[in-house]
């Protein structure tokens, strides 16, 4: 995702620019419509919004095996 302020390319899951800390707006990958943070589907075209956080039901940490 490119920052609208400084044009730095940021990872898709970034909420703020890595270079200038400007907030990055989420947009629909299908039609480009701006999306609110809680959207699971696009308001305009109903395209599913990709998950950007940890997968529900999966632990972020794996315990070491003995």
C-alpha atoms as a PDB file:
ATOM      1  CA  UNK A   1       0.000   0.000   0.000  1.00  0.00           C
ATOM      2  CA  UNK A   2       1.443   3.347  -1.022  1.00  0.00           C
ATOM      3  CA  UNK A   3       1.325   6.254   1.411  1.00  0.00           C
ATOM      4  CA  UNK A   4      -0.694   9.164   0.002  1.00  0.00           C
ATOM      5  CA  UNK A   5       1.538  11.658   1.822  1.00  0.00           C
ATOM      6  CA  UNK A   6       5.117  10.525   1.108  1.00  0.00           C
ATOM      7  CA  UNK A   7       4.583   7.817  -1.553  1.00  0.00           C
ATOM      8  CA  UNK A   8       6.467   5.180   0.481  1.00  0.00           C
ATOM      9  CA  UNK A   9       5.420   1.614  -0.279  1.00  0.00           C
ATOM     10  CA  UNK A  10       4.132  -0.088   2.876  1.00  0.00           C
ATOM     11  CA  UNK A  11       3.143  -3.695   3.590  1.00  0.00           C
ATOM     12  CA  UNK A  12      -0.562  -4.465   3.036  1.00  0.00           C
ATOM     13  CA  UNK A  13      -1.258  -4.943   6.756  1.00  0.00           C
ATOM     14  CA  UNK A  14       0.208  -1.531   7.715  1.00  0.00           C
ATOM     15  CA  UNK A  15      -2.185   0.909   9.342  1.00  0.00           C
ATOM     16  CA  UNK A  16       0.362   3.731   9.416  1.00  0.00           C
ATOM     17  CA  UNK A  17       3.152   4.640   7.014  1.00  0.00           C
ATOM     18  CA  UNK A  18       6.543   3.235   7.950  1.00  0.00           C
ATOM     19  CA  UNK A  19       8.254   6.440   6.801  1.00  0.00           C
ATOM     20  CA  UNK A  20       6.032   9.330   7.941  1.00  0.00           C
ATOM     21  CA  UNK A  21       3.476   7.678  10.286  1.00  0.00           C
ATOM     22  CA  UNK A  22       0.491   8.962   8.300  1.00  0.00           C
ATOM     23  CA  UNK A  23      -2.605   6.798   8.660  1.00  0.00           C
ATOM     24  CA  UNK A  24      -3.164   4.498   5.700  1.00  0.00           C
ATOM     25  CA  UNK A  25      -6.747   4.056   4.569  1.00  0.00           C
ATOM     26  CA  UNK A  26      -7.950   0.566   3.705  1.00  0.00           C
ATOM     27  CA  UNK A  27      -9.466   0.221   0.264  1.00  0.00           C
ATOM     28  CA  UNK A  28     -11.263  -2.578  -1.543  1.00  0.00           C
ATOM     29  CA  UNK A  29      -8.853  -4.634  -3.645  1.00  0.00           C
ATOM     30  CA  UNK A  30     -11.597  -5.119  -6.236  1.00  0.00           C
ATOM     31  CA  UNK A  31     -13.026  -1.616  -6.757  1.00  0.00           C
ATOM     32  CA  UNK A  32     -10.883   0.782  -4.678  1.00  0.00           C
ATOM     33  CA  UNK A  33     -13.676   2.002  -2.392  1.00  0.00           C
ATOM     34  CA  UNK A  34     -12.407   3.281   0.992  1.00  0.00           C
ATOM     35  CA  UNK A  35     -13.294   0.842   3.781  1.00  0.00           C
ATOM     36  CA  UNK A  36     -13.929   1.361   7.487  1.00  0.00           C
ATOM     37  CA  UNK A  37     -11.603  -0.594   9.809  1.00  0.00           C
ATOM     38  CA  UNK A  38     -14.300  -3.110  10.797  1.00  0.00           C
ATOM     39  CA  UNK A  39     -15.448  -3.967   7.249  1.00  0.00           C
ATOM     40  CA  UNK A  40     -15.447  -7.629   6.282  1.00  0.00           C
ATOM     41  CA  UNK A  41     -16.957  -6.905   2.862  1.00  0.00           C
ATOM     42  CA  UNK A  42     -16.751  -3.898   0.548  1.00  0.00           C
ATOM     43  CA  UNK A  43     -19.578  -1.401   0.939  1.00  0.00           C
ATOM     44  CA  UNK A  44     -19.759  -0.880  -2.825  1.00  0.00           C
ATOM     45  CA  UNK A  45     -19.174  -4.260  -4.496  1.00  0.00           C
ATOM     46  CA  UNK A  46     -19.450  -6.774  -1.600  1.00  0.00           C
ATOM     47  CA  UNK A  47     -15.975  -8.155  -2.316  1.00  0.00           C
ATOM     48  CA  UNK A  48     -14.554  -9.895   0.796  1.00  0.00           C
ATOM     49  CA  UNK A  49     -11.909  -7.904   2.633  1.00  0.00           C
ATOM     50  CA  UNK A  50      -8.686  -9.809   3.277  1.00  0.00           C
ATOM     51  CA  UNK A  51      -7.764 -10.514   6.882  1.00  0.00           C
ATOM     52  CA  UNK A  52      -4.762  -8.507   8.018  1.00  0.00           C
ATOM     53  CA  UNK A  53      -4.413  -9.773  11.568  1.00  0.00           C
ATOM     54  CA  UNK A  54      -3.796 -13.162  13.123  1.00  0.00           C
ATOM     55  CA  UNK A  55      -6.057 -15.952  11.936  1.00  0.00           C
ATOM     56  CA  UNK A  56      -8.867 -16.529  14.452  1.00  0.00           C
ATOM     57  CA  UNK A  57      -8.512 -19.762  16.370  1.00  0.00           C
ATOM     58  CA  UNK A  58      -4.792 -20.014  15.738  1.00  0.00           C
ATOM     59  CA  UNK A  59      -2.216 -19.224  18.341  1.00  0.00           C
ATOM     60  CA  UNK A  60       0.431 -16.695  17.425  1.00  0.00           C
ATOM     61  CA  UNK A  61       2.926 -18.579  19.532  1.00  0.00           C
ATOM     62  CA  UNK A  62       3.960 -22.188  19.255  1.00  0.00           C
ATOM     63  CA  UNK A  63       5.131 -23.988  22.346  1.00  0.00           C
ATOM     64  CA  UNK A  64       8.445 -25.787  21.994  1.00  0.00           C
ATOM     65  CA  UNK A  65       8.257 -29.529  21.642  1.00  0.00           C
ATOM     66  CA  UNK A  66      10.156 -31.632  24.164  1.00  0.00           C
END
